Amino acid sequence: MNNAYKADLILVLVTLLAAISWMFSKEAVLQMPPLLFMSVRFFLAGLLLACVSYKALGKLALSGCLHSARVGLVFGVAMCFWVTGLAKASHVGEAAFLASLGVVMVPIIARVLFREAIPRSTWLAMPVAVLGLGFLSLSAPMDRALKLETAHILLLTSATFFALYFNLNTRVTNVPSSIRKNGESIKETKVPVLALTTIVLATTGIITGLVSAILEPWHPTFVNLQPELVGWVVLSATIGTALRFLLQTYAQSLTANSHGVVIMVLEPLWTTLIAIAWFSETMNTSQLVGCFFILLSLIVNRFKAIIKLVRPR
């Protein structure tokens, strides 16, 4: 199996793990402060991976550590906004579609920071995504006054940081060379997948923990700790974090940005379907139409990549 096919299959599995992780996280934040949950979740996941990646970490150069920590810092900020938005969201499926808008933002971030050309499909997808947001912001089917909820704003902000993270993560695992100021080209060794994932997860745990220590009370959670909550945290740390992000980072090391992003379109679909079964969620007409337009924007944004996926290689 070539790397492209392997990456496809792995990323499909990643989207399923990500969708299930939304359920674990929602269950956990119903019983404990969201940022504290994220800190424990990611720190445990990072510690778990460190137990098997200590050799790779020991061989990692300082530059590799700094690159990985930078990716982790961006991802940690994204997770702060994401989990706070999830805690405030009334619909998990709707929240998943909002967070998925990071897919549309990936080429925009790549253009602003890395001078990559923005595909025409992105310009076509943006107004479709905005239209979807307009429908999601309707507070009721017959209410025509646009009203963005706090959860919407938090999730959109997280989507922006997720787009930046996706760009940085791919570049750290795929760094063929760099150009010095004098024009000299120098080769760089890409950061090993296991070491990168470990540092990113641990950094995210530290960032969310620091923010949580400032904004949230910890004492009630540990005093009234329930076995059920421990179960959700452990499942989130192992299946929803350590395994998921290790597989995602490995897949990104095998394939290009656009190829990985198009597979991630599946995540909000899985999440919505699982949320319907898990939480018995329902959506009104405006929410359904809004999610449809956001999904359509994701498809438009990566239409060429989708065509390549369905054609035999």
C-alpha atoms as a PDB file:
ATOM      1  CA  MET A   1       0.000   0.000   0.000  1.00  0.00           C
ATOM      2  CA  ASN A   2       1.467   3.365  -1.015  1.00  0.00           C
ATOM      3  CA  ASN A   3       1.649   6.326   1.369  1.00  0.00           C
ATOM      4  CA  ALA A   4      -1.335   8.121  -0.171  1.00  0.00           C
ATOM      5  CA  TYR A   5      -3.705   5.189   0.372  1.00  0.00           C
ATOM      6  CA  LYS A   6      -2.286   4.580   3.833  1.00  0.00           C
ATOM      7  CA  ALA A   7      -2.830   8.225   4.793  1.00  0.00           C
ATOM      8  CA  ASP A   8      -6.420   8.094   3.505  1.00  0.00           C
ATOM      9  CA  LEU A   9      -7.328   5.089   5.652  1.00  0.00           C
ATOM     10  CA  ILE A  10      -5.579   6.439   8.736  1.00  0.00           C
ATOM     11  CA  LEU A  11      -7.285   9.837   8.452  1.00  0.00           C
ATOM     12  CA  VAL A  12     -10.715   8.237   8.091  1.00  0.00           C
ATOM     13  CA  LEU A  13     -10.009   6.392  11.337  1.00  0.00           C
ATOM     14  CA  VAL A  14      -8.834   9.682  12.870  1.00  0.00           C
ATOM     15  CA  THR A  15     -12.135  11.369  12.005  1.00  0.00           C
ATOM     16  CA  LEU A  16     -14.045   8.560  13.731  1.00  0.00           C
ATOM     17  CA  LEU A  17     -11.864   8.794  16.829  1.00  0.00           C
ATOM     18  CA  ALA A  18     -12.284  12.585  16.806  1.00  0.00           C
ATOM     19  CA  ALA A  19     -16.076  12.257  16.596  1.00  0.00           C
ATOM     20  CA  ILE A  20     -16.171   9.811  19.504  1.00  0.00           C
ATOM     21  CA  SER A  21     -13.853  12.115  21.442  1.00  0.00           C
ATOM     22  CA  TRP A  22     -16.461  14.901  21.176  1.00  0.00           C
ATOM     23  CA  MET A  23     -18.823  12.672  23.182  1.00  0.00           C
ATOM     24  CA  PHE A  24     -16.211  11.836  25.819  1.00  0.00           C
ATOM     25  CA  SER A  25     -15.375  15.525  26.186  1.00  0.00           C
ATOM     26  CA  LYS A  26     -19.002  16.651  26.432  1.00  0.00           C
ATOM     27  CA  GLU A  27     -19.684  14.071  29.135  1.00  0.00           C
ATOM     28  CA  ALA A  28     -16.605  15.195  31.071  1.00  0.00           C
ATOM     29  CA  VAL A  29     -17.245  18.959  30.901  1.00  0.00           C
ATOM     30  CA  LEU A  30     -20.724  18.396  32.290  1.00  0.00           C
ATOM     31  CA  GLN A  31     -19.041  17.251  35.522  1.00  0.00           C
ATOM     32  CA  MET A  32     -15.850  19.341  35.792  1.00  0.00           C
ATOM     33  CA  PRO A  33     -14.399  22.697  34.624  1.00  0.00           C
ATOM     34  CA  PRO A  34     -13.654  22.434  30.887  1.00  0.00           C
ATOM     35  CA  LEU A  35     -10.112  23.836  30.922  1.00  0.00           C
ATOM     36  CA  LEU A  36      -9.141  21.641  33.863  1.00  0.00           C
ATOM     37  CA  PHE A  37     -10.474  18.650  31.954  1.00  0.00           C
ATOM     38  CA  MET A  38      -8.382  19.561  28.909  1.00  0.00           C
ATOM     39  CA  SER A  39      -5.274  19.984  31.028  1.00  0.00           C
ATOM     40  CA  VAL A  40      -5.653  16.575  32.691  1.00  0.00           C
ATOM     41  CA  ARG A  41      -6.617  14.944  29.394  1.00  0.00           C
ATOM     42  CA  PHE A  42      -3.655  16.211  27.394  1.00  0.00           C
ATOM     43  CA  PHE A  43      -1.098  15.932  30.175  1.00  0.00           C
ATOM     44  CA  LEU A  44      -2.057  12.279  30.721  1.00  0.00           C
ATOM     45  CA  ALA A  45      -1.915  11.634  26.970  1.00  0.00           C
ATOM     46  CA  GLY A  46       1.496  13.299  26.716  1.00  0.00           C
ATOM     47  CA  LEU A  47       2.781  11.310  29.694  1.00  0.00           C
ATOM     48  CA  LEU A  48       1.494   8.083  28.135  1.00  0.00           C
ATOM     49  CA  LEU A  49       3.284   8.752  24.851  1.00  0.00           C
ATOM     50  CA  ALA A  50       6.444   9.857  26.673  1.00  0.00           C
ATOM     51  CA  CYS A  51       6.709   6.352  28.119  1.00  0.00           C
ATOM     52  CA  VAL A  52       7.224   4.979  24.607  1.00  0.00           C
ATOM     53  CA  SER A  53       8.910   7.965  22.933  1.00  0.00           C
ATOM     54  CA  TYR A  54      11.671   8.714  25.435  1.00  0.00           C
ATOM     55  CA  LYS A  55      14.385   7.483  23.045  1.00  0.00           C
ATOM     56  CA  ALA A  56      13.150   9.732  20.227  1.00  0.00           C
ATOM     57  CA  LEU A  57      12.828  12.646  22.640  1.00  0.00           C
ATOM     58  CA  GLY A  58      16.390  12.115  23.866  1.00  0.00           C
ATOM     59  CA  LYS A  59      17.750  12.307  20.313  1.00  0.00           C
ATOM     60  CA  LEU A  60      15.696  15.367  19.367  1.00  0.00           C
ATOM     61  CA  ALA A  61      17.718  18.515  18.663  1.00  0.00           C
ATOM     62  CA  LEU A  62      16.909  21.795  20.398  1.00  0.00           C
ATOM     63  CA  SER A  63      15.482  23.242  17.194  1.00  0.00           C
ATOM     64  CA  GLY A  64      13.113  20.275  16.915  1.00  0.00           C
ATOM     65  CA  CYS A  65      11.964  20.778  20.505  1.00  0.00           C
ATOM     66  CA  LEU A  66      11.293  24.458  19.855  1.00  0.00           C
ATOM     67  CA  HIS A  67       9.374  23.752  16.638  1.00  0.00           C
ATOM     68  CA  SER A  68       7.271  21.149  18.427  1.00  0.00           C
ATOM     69  CA  ALA A  69       6.617  23.413  21.411  1.00  0.00           C
ATOM     70  CA  ARG A  70       5.472  26.185  19.050  1.00  0.00           C
ATOM     71  CA  VAL A  71       2.961  23.804  17.462  1.00  0.00           C
ATOM     72  CA  GLY A  72       1.831  22.777  20.933  1.00  0.00           C
ATOM     73  CA  LEU A  73       1.396  26.400  22.011  1.00  0.00           C
ATOM     74  CA  VAL A  74      -0.884  27.132  19.067  1.00  0.00           C
ATOM     75  CA  PHE A  75      -2.825  23.930  19.613  1.00  0.00           C
ATOM     76  CA  GLY A  76      -3.153  24.671  23.327  1.00  0.00           C
ATOM     77  CA  VAL A  77      -4.712  28.061  22.600  1.00  0.00           C
ATOM     78  CA  ALA A  78      -7.060  26.433  20.078  1.00  0.00           C
ATOM     79  CA  MET A  79      -8.119  23.881  22.669  1.00  0.00           C
ATOM     80  CA  CYS A  80      -8.826  26.574  25.266  1.00  0.00           C
ATOM     81  CA  PHE A  81     -11.358  28.180  22.939  1.00  0.00           C
ATOM     82  CA  TRP A  82     -12.686  24.836  21.682  1.00  0.00           C
ATOM     83  CA  VAL A  83     -13.489  23.238  25.022  1.00  0.00           C
ATOM     84  CA  THR A  84     -15.004  26.459  26.401  1.00  0.00           C
ATOM     85  CA  GLY A  85     -17.200  26.672  23.316  1.00  0.00           C
ATOM     86  CA  LEU A  86     -18.163  23.012  23.637  1.00  0.00           C
ATOM     87  CA  ALA A  87     -19.114  23.494  27.285  1.00  0.00           C
ATOM     88  CA  LYS A  88     -21.418  26.374  26.333  1.00  0.00           C
ATOM     89  CA  ALA A  89     -22.821  24.780  23.167  1.00  0.00           C
ATOM     90  CA  SER A  90     -26.353  23.426  23.195  1.00  0.00           C
ATOM     91  CA  HIS A  91     -25.753  21.082  20.236  1.00  0.00           C
ATOM     92  CA  VAL A  92     -22.621  18.965  19.850  1.00  0.00           C
ATOM     93  CA  GLY A  93     -23.270  18.374  16.142  1.00  0.00           C
ATOM     94  CA  GLU A  94     -23.637  22.082  15.446  1.00  0.00           C
ATOM     95  CA  ALA A  95     -20.436  22.774  17.387  1.00  0.00           C
ATOM     96  CA  ALA A  96     -18.576  20.198  15.287  1.00  0.00           C
ATOM     97  CA  PHE A  97     -19.582  21.913  12.047  1.00  0.00           C
ATOM     98  CA  LEU A  98     -18.466  25.307  13.369  1.00  0.00           C
ATOM     99  CA  ALA A  99     -15.084  23.952  14.457  1.00  0.00           C
ATOM    100  CA  SER A 100     -14.680  22.260  11.076  1.00  0.00           C
ATOM    101  CA  LEU A 101     -14.524  25.673   9.393  1.00  0.00           C
ATOM    102  CA  GLY A 102     -10.822  25.525  10.204  1.00  0.00           C
ATOM    103  CA  VAL A 103     -10.623  23.410   7.034  1.00  0.00           C
ATOM    104  CA  VAL A 104     -11.637  26.418   4.935  1.00  0.00           C
ATOM    105  CA  MET A 105      -9.154  28.619   6.791  1.00  0.00           C
ATOM    106  CA  VAL A 106      -6.117  26.374   6.220  1.00  0.00           C
ATOM    107  CA  PRO A 107      -5.167  27.818   2.798  1.00  0.00           C
ATOM    108  CA  ILE A 108      -5.880  31.368   4.028  1.00  0.00           C
ATOM    109  CA  ILE A 109      -3.448  30.923   6.916  1.00  0.00           C
ATOM    110  CA  ALA A 110      -0.962  29.335   4.502  1.00  0.00           C
ATOM    111  CA  ARG A 111      -1.218  32.401   2.263  1.00  0.00           C
ATOM    112  CA  VAL A 112      -0.813  34.961   5.046  1.00  0.00           C
ATOM    113  CA  LEU A 113       2.069  33.267   6.875  1.00  0.00           C
ATOM    114  CA  PHE A 114       3.757  31.081   4.248  1.00  0.00           C
ATOM    115  CA  ARG A 115       2.947  32.944   1.014  1.00  0.00           C
ATOM    116  CA  GLU A 116       1.127  30.038  -0.556  1.00  0.00           C
ATOM    117  CA  ALA A 117      -1.368  30.803  -3.300  1.00  0.00           C
ATOM    118  CA  ILE A 118      -5.035  30.673  -2.268  1.00  0.00           C
ATOM    119  CA  PRO A 119      -6.999  28.294  -4.522  1.00  0.00           C
ATOM    120  CA  ARG A 120     -10.025  29.649  -6.345  1.00  0.00           C
ATOM    121  CA  SER A 121     -12.114  27.024  -4.569  1.00  0.00           C
ATOM    122  CA  THR A 122     -11.414  28.726  -1.232  1.00  0.00           C
ATOM    123  CA  TRP A 123     -12.853  32.033  -2.458  1.00  0.00           C
ATOM    124  CA  LEU A 124     -15.950  30.152  -3.644  1.00  0.00           C
ATOM    125  CA  ALA A 125     -16.268  28.266  -0.358  1.00  0.00           C
ATOM    126  CA  MET A 126     -16.031  31.296   1.932  1.00  0.00           C
ATOM    127  CA  PRO A 127     -19.423  32.918   1.074  1.00  0.00           C
ATOM    128  CA  VAL A 128     -21.089  29.505   1.326  1.00  0.00           C
ATOM    129  CA  ALA A 129     -19.594  29.074   4.800  1.00  0.00           C
ATOM    130  CA  VAL A 130     -20.751  32.547   5.829  1.00  0.00           C
ATOM    131  CA  LEU A 131     -24.253  31.695   4.626  1.00  0.00           C
ATOM    132  CA  GLY A 132     -24.164  28.567   6.765  1.00  0.00           C
ATOM    133  CA  LEU A 133     -23.113  30.619   9.771  1.00  0.00           C
ATOM    134  CA  GLY A 134     -26.015  32.949   9.127  1.00  0.00           C
ATOM    135  CA  PHE A 135     -28.500  30.098   9.400  1.00  0.00           C
ATOM    136  CA  LEU A 136     -26.808  28.685  12.497  1.00  0.00           C
ATOM    137  CA  SER A 137     -27.028  32.084  14.173  1.00  0.00           C
ATOM    138  CA  LEU A 138     -30.817  32.200  13.855  1.00  0.00           C
ATOM    139  CA  SER A 139     -32.076  31.693  17.413  1.00  0.00           C
ATOM    140  CA  ALA A 140     -35.295  30.005  16.204  1.00  0.00           C
ATOM    141  CA  PRO A 141     -36.784  28.919  12.867  1.00  0.00           C
ATOM    142  CA  MET A 142     -39.052  31.987  12.638  1.00  0.00           C
ATOM    143  CA  ASP A 143     -36.550  34.427  14.142  1.00  0.00           C
ATOM    144  CA  ARG A 144     -34.762  36.400  11.443  1.00  0.00           C
ATOM    145  CA  ALA A 145     -32.552  38.470  13.762  1.00  0.00           C
ATOM    146  CA  LEU A 146     -28.968  37.257  13.461  1.00  0.00           C
ATOM    147  CA  LYS A 147     -27.607  36.440  16.884  1.00  0.00           C
ATOM    148  CA  LEU A 148     -24.203  34.798  17.256  1.00  0.00           C
ATOM    149  CA  GLU A 149     -24.021  32.923  20.524  1.00  0.00           C
ATOM    150  CA  THR A 150     -20.938  33.009  22.752  1.00  0.00           C
ATOM    151  CA  ALA A 151     -20.329  29.350  21.915  1.00  0.00           C
ATOM    152  CA  HIS A 152     -20.325  30.179  18.188  1.00  0.00           C
ATOM    153  CA  ILE A 153     -17.693  32.893  18.638  1.00  0.00           C
ATOM    154  CA  LEU A 154     -15.485  30.641  20.766  1.00  0.00           C
ATOM    155  CA  LEU A 155     -15.704  27.770  18.281  1.00  0.00           C
ATOM    156  CA  LEU A 156     -14.960  30.031  15.311  1.00  0.00           C
ATOM    157  CA  THR A 157     -11.923  31.377  17.126  1.00  0.00           C
ATOM    158  CA  SER A 158     -10.772  27.840  17.829  1.00  0.00           C
ATOM    159  CA  ALA A 159     -11.226  27.001  14.131  1.00  0.00           C
ATOM    160  CA  THR A 160      -8.799  29.796  13.226  1.00  0.00           C
ATOM    161  CA  PHE A 161      -6.156  28.431  15.574  1.00  0.00           C
ATOM    162  CA  PHE A 162      -6.825  24.875  14.358  1.00  0.00           C
ATOM    163  CA  ALA A 163      -6.071  26.052  10.807  1.00  0.00           C
ATOM    164  CA  LEU A 164      -2.778  27.530  11.988  1.00  0.00           C
ATOM    165  CA  TYR A 165      -1.990  24.335  13.898  1.00  0.00           C
ATOM    166  CA  PHE A 166      -2.690  22.177  10.860  1.00  0.00           C
ATOM    167  CA  ASN A 167      -0.255  24.254   8.777  1.00  0.00           C
ATOM    168  CA  LEU A 168       2.485  24.213  11.397  1.00  0.00           C
ATOM    169  CA  ASN A 169       2.040  20.516  12.180  1.00  0.00           C
ATOM    170  CA  THR A 170       2.438  19.490   8.556  1.00  0.00           C
ATOM    171  CA  ARG A 171       5.490  21.680   8.074  1.00  0.00           C
ATOM    172  CA  VAL A 172       7.249  20.378  11.147  1.00  0.00           C
ATOM    173  CA  THR A 173       6.860  16.775   9.973  1.00  0.00           C
ATOM    174  CA  ASN A 174       7.673  17.681   6.348  1.00  0.00           C
ATOM    175  CA  VAL A 175      10.636  20.112   6.422  1.00  0.00           C
ATOM    176  CA  PRO A 176      12.886  19.390   3.419  1.00  0.00           C
ATOM    177  CA  SER A 177      14.955  22.558   3.643  1.00  0.00           C
ATOM    178  CA  SER A 178      15.048  26.164   4.759  1.00  0.00           C
ATOM    179  CA  ILE A 179      16.619  29.342   3.397  1.00  0.00           C
ATOM    180  CA  ARG A 180      18.933  31.514   5.465  1.00  0.00           C
ATOM    181  CA  LYS A 181      18.986  35.297   5.151  1.00  0.00           C
ATOM    182  CA  ASN A 182      22.077  35.116   2.954  1.00  0.00           C
ATOM    183  CA  GLY A 183      20.205  32.899   0.508  1.00  0.00           C
ATOM    184  CA  GLU A 184      21.934  29.669   1.534  1.00  0.00           C
ATOM    185  CA  SER A 185      19.736  26.573   1.523  1.00  0.00           C
ATOM    186  CA  ILE A 186      20.145  24.239   4.490  1.00  0.00           C
ATOM    187  CA  LYS A 187      18.599  20.813   5.047  1.00  0.00           C
ATOM    188  CA  GLU A 188      16.690  20.119   8.235  1.00  0.00           C
ATOM    189  CA  THR A 189      15.755  16.779   9.739  1.00  0.00           C
ATOM    190  CA  LYS A 190      12.023  16.499  10.218  1.00  0.00           C
ATOM    191  CA  VAL A 191      10.791  15.946  13.760  1.00  0.00           C
ATOM    192  CA  PRO A 192       9.864  12.286  14.407  1.00  0.00           C
ATOM    193  CA  VAL A 193       6.101  11.794  14.599  1.00  0.00           C
ATOM    194  CA  LEU A 194       6.095  10.217  18.049  1.00  0.00           C
ATOM    195  CA  ALA A 195       8.323  12.903  19.582  1.00  0.00           C
ATOM    196  CA  LEU A 196       6.340  15.731  17.978  1.00  0.00           C
ATOM    197  CA  THR A 197       3.003  14.345  19.161  1.00  0.00           C
ATOM    198  CA  THR A 198       4.312  13.866  22.702  1.00  0.00           C
ATOM    199  CA  ILE A 199       5.622  17.439  22.966  1.00  0.00           C
ATOM    200  CA  VAL A 200       2.480  18.945  21.400  1.00  0.00           C
ATOM    201  CA  LEU A 201       0.153  17.096  23.764  1.00  0.00           C
ATOM    202  CA  ALA A 202       2.232  17.871  26.843  1.00  0.00           C
ATOM    203  CA  THR A 203       2.503  21.553  25.883  1.00  0.00           C
ATOM    204  CA  THR A 204      -1.256  21.692  25.363  1.00  0.00           C
ATOM    205  CA  GLY A 205      -1.771  20.205  28.829  1.00  0.00           C
ATOM    206  CA  ILE A 206       0.481  22.850  30.360  1.00  0.00           C
ATOM    207  CA  ILE A 207      -1.161  25.766  28.492  1.00  0.00           C
ATOM    208  CA  THR A 208      -4.715  24.726  29.355  1.00  0.00           C
ATOM    209  CA  GLY A 209      -3.658  24.009  32.940  1.00  0.00           C
ATOM    210  CA  LEU A 210      -2.197  27.486  33.407  1.00  0.00           C
ATOM    211  CA  VAL A 211      -5.332  29.137  32.030  1.00  0.00           C
ATOM    212  CA  SER A 212      -7.513  26.866  34.162  1.00  0.00           C
ATOM    213  CA  ALA A 213      -5.553  27.717  37.329  1.00  0.00           C
ATOM    214  CA  ILE A 214      -6.330  31.390  36.705  1.00  0.00           C
ATOM    215  CA  LEU A 215      -9.991  31.110  35.705  1.00  0.00           C
ATOM    216  CA  GLU A 216     -11.431  27.946  37.254  1.00  0.00           C
ATOM    217  CA  PRO A 217     -11.885  26.391  40.727  1.00  0.00           C
ATOM    218  CA  TRP A 218     -10.239  22.984  41.095  1.00  0.00           C
ATOM    219  CA  HIS A 219     -11.191  22.009  44.653  1.00  0.00           C
ATOM    220  CA  PRO A 220     -14.843  20.927  44.033  1.00  0.00           C
ATOM    221  CA  THR A 221     -13.802  18.558  41.240  1.00  0.00           C
ATOM    222  CA  PHE A 222     -11.241  16.624  43.266  1.00  0.00           C
ATOM    223  CA  VAL A 223     -13.362  16.582  46.433  1.00  0.00           C
ATOM    224  CA  ASN A 224     -16.394  15.123  44.628  1.00  0.00           C
ATOM    225  CA  LEU A 225     -14.510  12.968  42.115  1.00  0.00           C
ATOM    226  CA  GLN A 226     -16.776  10.286  40.643  1.00  0.00           C
ATOM    227  CA  PRO A 227     -15.653   7.011  38.984  1.00  0.00           C
ATOM    228  CA  GLU A 228     -17.724   7.883  35.926  1.00  0.00           C
ATOM    229  CA  LEU A 229     -15.812  11.137  35.451  1.00  0.00           C
ATOM    230  CA  VAL A 230     -12.492   9.304  35.803  1.00  0.00           C
ATOM    231  CA  GLY A 231     -13.651   6.952  33.047  1.00  0.00           C
ATOM    232  CA  TRP A 232     -14.468   9.798  30.651  1.00  0.00           C
ATOM    233  CA  VAL A 233     -11.103  11.454  31.318  1.00  0.00           C
ATOM    234  CA  VAL A 234      -9.171   8.219  30.774  1.00  0.00           C
ATOM    235  CA  LEU A 235     -11.038   7.454  27.546  1.00  0.00           C
ATOM    236  CA  SER A 236     -10.437  11.008  26.324  1.00  0.00           C
ATOM    237  CA  ALA A 237      -6.725  10.865  27.171  1.00  0.00           C
ATOM    238  CA  THR A 238      -6.071   7.457  25.590  1.00  0.00           C
ATOM    239  CA  ILE A 239      -8.450   6.948  22.659  1.00  0.00           C
ATOM    240  CA  GLY A 240      -9.522  10.529  21.985  1.00  0.00           C
ATOM    241  CA  THR A 241      -6.097  12.136  22.380  1.00  0.00           C
ATOM    242  CA  ALA A 242      -2.972   9.950  22.474  1.00  0.00           C
ATOM    243  CA  LEU A 243      -4.100   7.468  19.807  1.00  0.00           C
ATOM    244  CA  ARG A 244      -5.993   9.994  17.695  1.00  0.00           C
ATOM    245  CA  PHE A 245      -3.275  12.642  17.448  1.00  0.00           C
ATOM    246  CA  LEU A 246      -0.487  10.108  17.024  1.00  0.00           C
ATOM    247  CA  LEU A 247      -2.333   8.668  14.021  1.00  0.00           C
ATOM    248  CA  GLN A 248      -3.185  12.136  12.674  1.00  0.00           C
ATOM    249  CA  THR A 249       0.389  13.381  12.908  1.00  0.00           C
ATOM    250  CA  TYR A 250       1.683  10.194  11.291  1.00  0.00           C
ATOM    251  CA  ALA A 251      -0.821  10.549   8.434  1.00  0.00           C
ATOM    252  CA  GLN A 252       0.166  14.193   7.941  1.00  0.00           C
ATOM    253  CA  SER A 253       3.788  13.090   7.613  1.00  0.00           C
ATOM    254  CA  LEU A 254       2.733  10.888   4.675  1.00  0.00           C
ATOM    255  CA  THR A 255       0.595  13.286   2.687  1.00  0.00           C
ATOM    256  CA  ALA A 256       0.177  16.923   1.660  1.00  0.00           C
ATOM    257  CA  ASN A 257      -1.965  19.564   3.383  1.00  0.00           C
ATOM    258  CA  SER A 258      -4.908  19.494   1.011  1.00  0.00           C
ATOM    259  CA  HIS A 259      -5.059  15.712   0.964  1.00  0.00           C
ATOM    260  CA  GLY A 260      -5.299  15.500   4.731  1.00  0.00           C
ATOM    261  CA  VAL A 261      -7.803  18.310   5.065  1.00  0.00           C
ATOM    262  CA  VAL A 262     -10.359  16.832   2.693  1.00  0.00           C
ATOM    263  CA  ILE A 263     -10.598  13.641   4.768  1.00  0.00           C
ATOM    264  CA  MET A 264     -11.231  15.717   7.897  1.00  0.00           C
ATOM    265  CA  VAL A 265     -14.507  16.871   6.303  1.00  0.00           C
ATOM    266  CA  LEU A 266     -15.946  13.607   7.623  1.00  0.00           C
ATOM    267  CA  GLU A 267     -15.443  14.572  11.290  1.00  0.00           C
ATOM    268  CA  PRO A 268     -18.514  16.829  11.726  1.00  0.00           C
ATOM    269  CA  LEU A 269     -20.673  14.284   9.902  1.00  0.00           C
ATOM    270  CA  TRP A 270     -19.623  11.443  12.218  1.00  0.00           C
ATOM    271  CA  THR A 271     -19.960  13.742  15.232  1.00  0.00           C
ATOM    272  CA  THR A 272     -23.506  14.782  14.331  1.00  0.00           C
ATOM    273  CA  LEU A 273     -24.635  11.207  13.725  1.00  0.00           C
ATOM    274  CA  ILE A 274     -23.054   9.951  16.956  1.00  0.00           C
ATOM    275  CA  ALA A 275     -24.499  12.896  18.926  1.00  0.00           C
ATOM    276  CA  ILE A 276     -27.983  12.041  17.653  1.00  0.00           C
ATOM    277  CA  ALA A 277     -27.581   8.505  18.967  1.00  0.00           C
ATOM    278  CA  TRP A 278     -25.618   9.408  22.122  1.00  0.00           C
ATOM    279  CA  PHE A 279     -27.451  12.511  23.365  1.00  0.00           C
ATOM    280  CA  SER A 280     -30.693  12.173  21.353  1.00  0.00           C
ATOM    281  CA  GLU A 281     -29.976  15.562  19.825  1.00  0.00           C
ATOM    282  CA  THR A 282     -32.349  17.223  17.381  1.00  0.00           C
ATOM    283  CA  MET A 283     -31.905  20.297  15.202  1.00  0.00           C
ATOM    284  CA  ASN A 284     -34.402  22.807  13.911  1.00  0.00           C
ATOM    285  CA  THR A 285     -34.633  23.732  10.235  1.00  0.00           C
ATOM    286  CA  SER A 286     -32.240  26.687  10.487  1.00  0.00           C
ATOM    287  CA  GLN A 287     -29.571  24.575  12.163  1.00  0.00           C
ATOM    288  CA  LEU A 288     -29.891  21.778   9.602  1.00  0.00           C
ATOM    289  CA  VAL A 289     -29.652  24.230   6.692  1.00  0.00           C
ATOM    290  CA  GLY A 290     -26.687  25.956   8.333  1.00  0.00           C
ATOM    291  CA  CYS A 291     -24.820  22.662   8.800  1.00  0.00           C
ATOM    292  CA  PHE A 292     -25.612  21.723   5.202  1.00  0.00           C
ATOM    293  CA  PHE A 293     -24.085  24.950   3.861  1.00  0.00           C
ATOM    294  CA  ILE A 294     -20.994  24.544   6.034  1.00  0.00           C
ATOM    295  CA  LEU A 295     -20.555  20.987   4.758  1.00  0.00           C
ATOM    296  CA  LEU A 296     -21.058  22.286   1.218  1.00  0.00           C
ATOM    297  CA  SER A 297     -18.366  24.928   1.787  1.00  0.00           C
ATOM    298  CA  LEU A 298     -15.947  22.218   2.931  1.00  0.00           C
ATOM    299  CA  ILE A 299     -16.674  20.180  -0.204  1.00  0.00           C
ATOM    300  CA  VAL A 300     -16.321  23.210  -2.494  1.00  0.00           C
ATOM    301  CA  ASN A 301     -13.094  24.183  -0.770  1.00  0.00           C
ATOM    302  CA  ARG A 302     -11.510  20.801  -1.551  1.00  0.00           C
ATOM    303  CA  PHE A 303     -13.420  19.793  -4.686  1.00  0.00           C
ATOM    304  CA  LYS A 304     -10.296  19.002  -6.711  1.00  0.00           C
ATOM    305  CA  ALA A 305      -8.882  16.924  -3.865  1.00  0.00           C
ATOM    306  CA  ILE A 306     -12.161  15.007  -3.634  1.00  0.00           C
ATOM    307  CA  ILE A 307     -12.012  14.257  -7.383  1.00  0.00           C
ATOM    308  CA  LYS A 308      -8.479  12.936  -6.929  1.00  0.00           C
ATOM    309  CA  LEU A 309      -9.612  10.759  -4.049  1.00  0.00           C
ATOM    310  CA  VAL A 310     -12.390   9.056  -6.013  1.00  0.00           C
ATOM    311  CA  ARG A 311     -10.277   8.532  -9.145  1.00  0.00           C
ATOM    312  CA  PRO A 312      -7.992   5.490  -9.226  1.00  0.00           C
ATOM    313  CA  ARG A 313      -4.367   6.380  -8.619  1.00  0.00           C
END
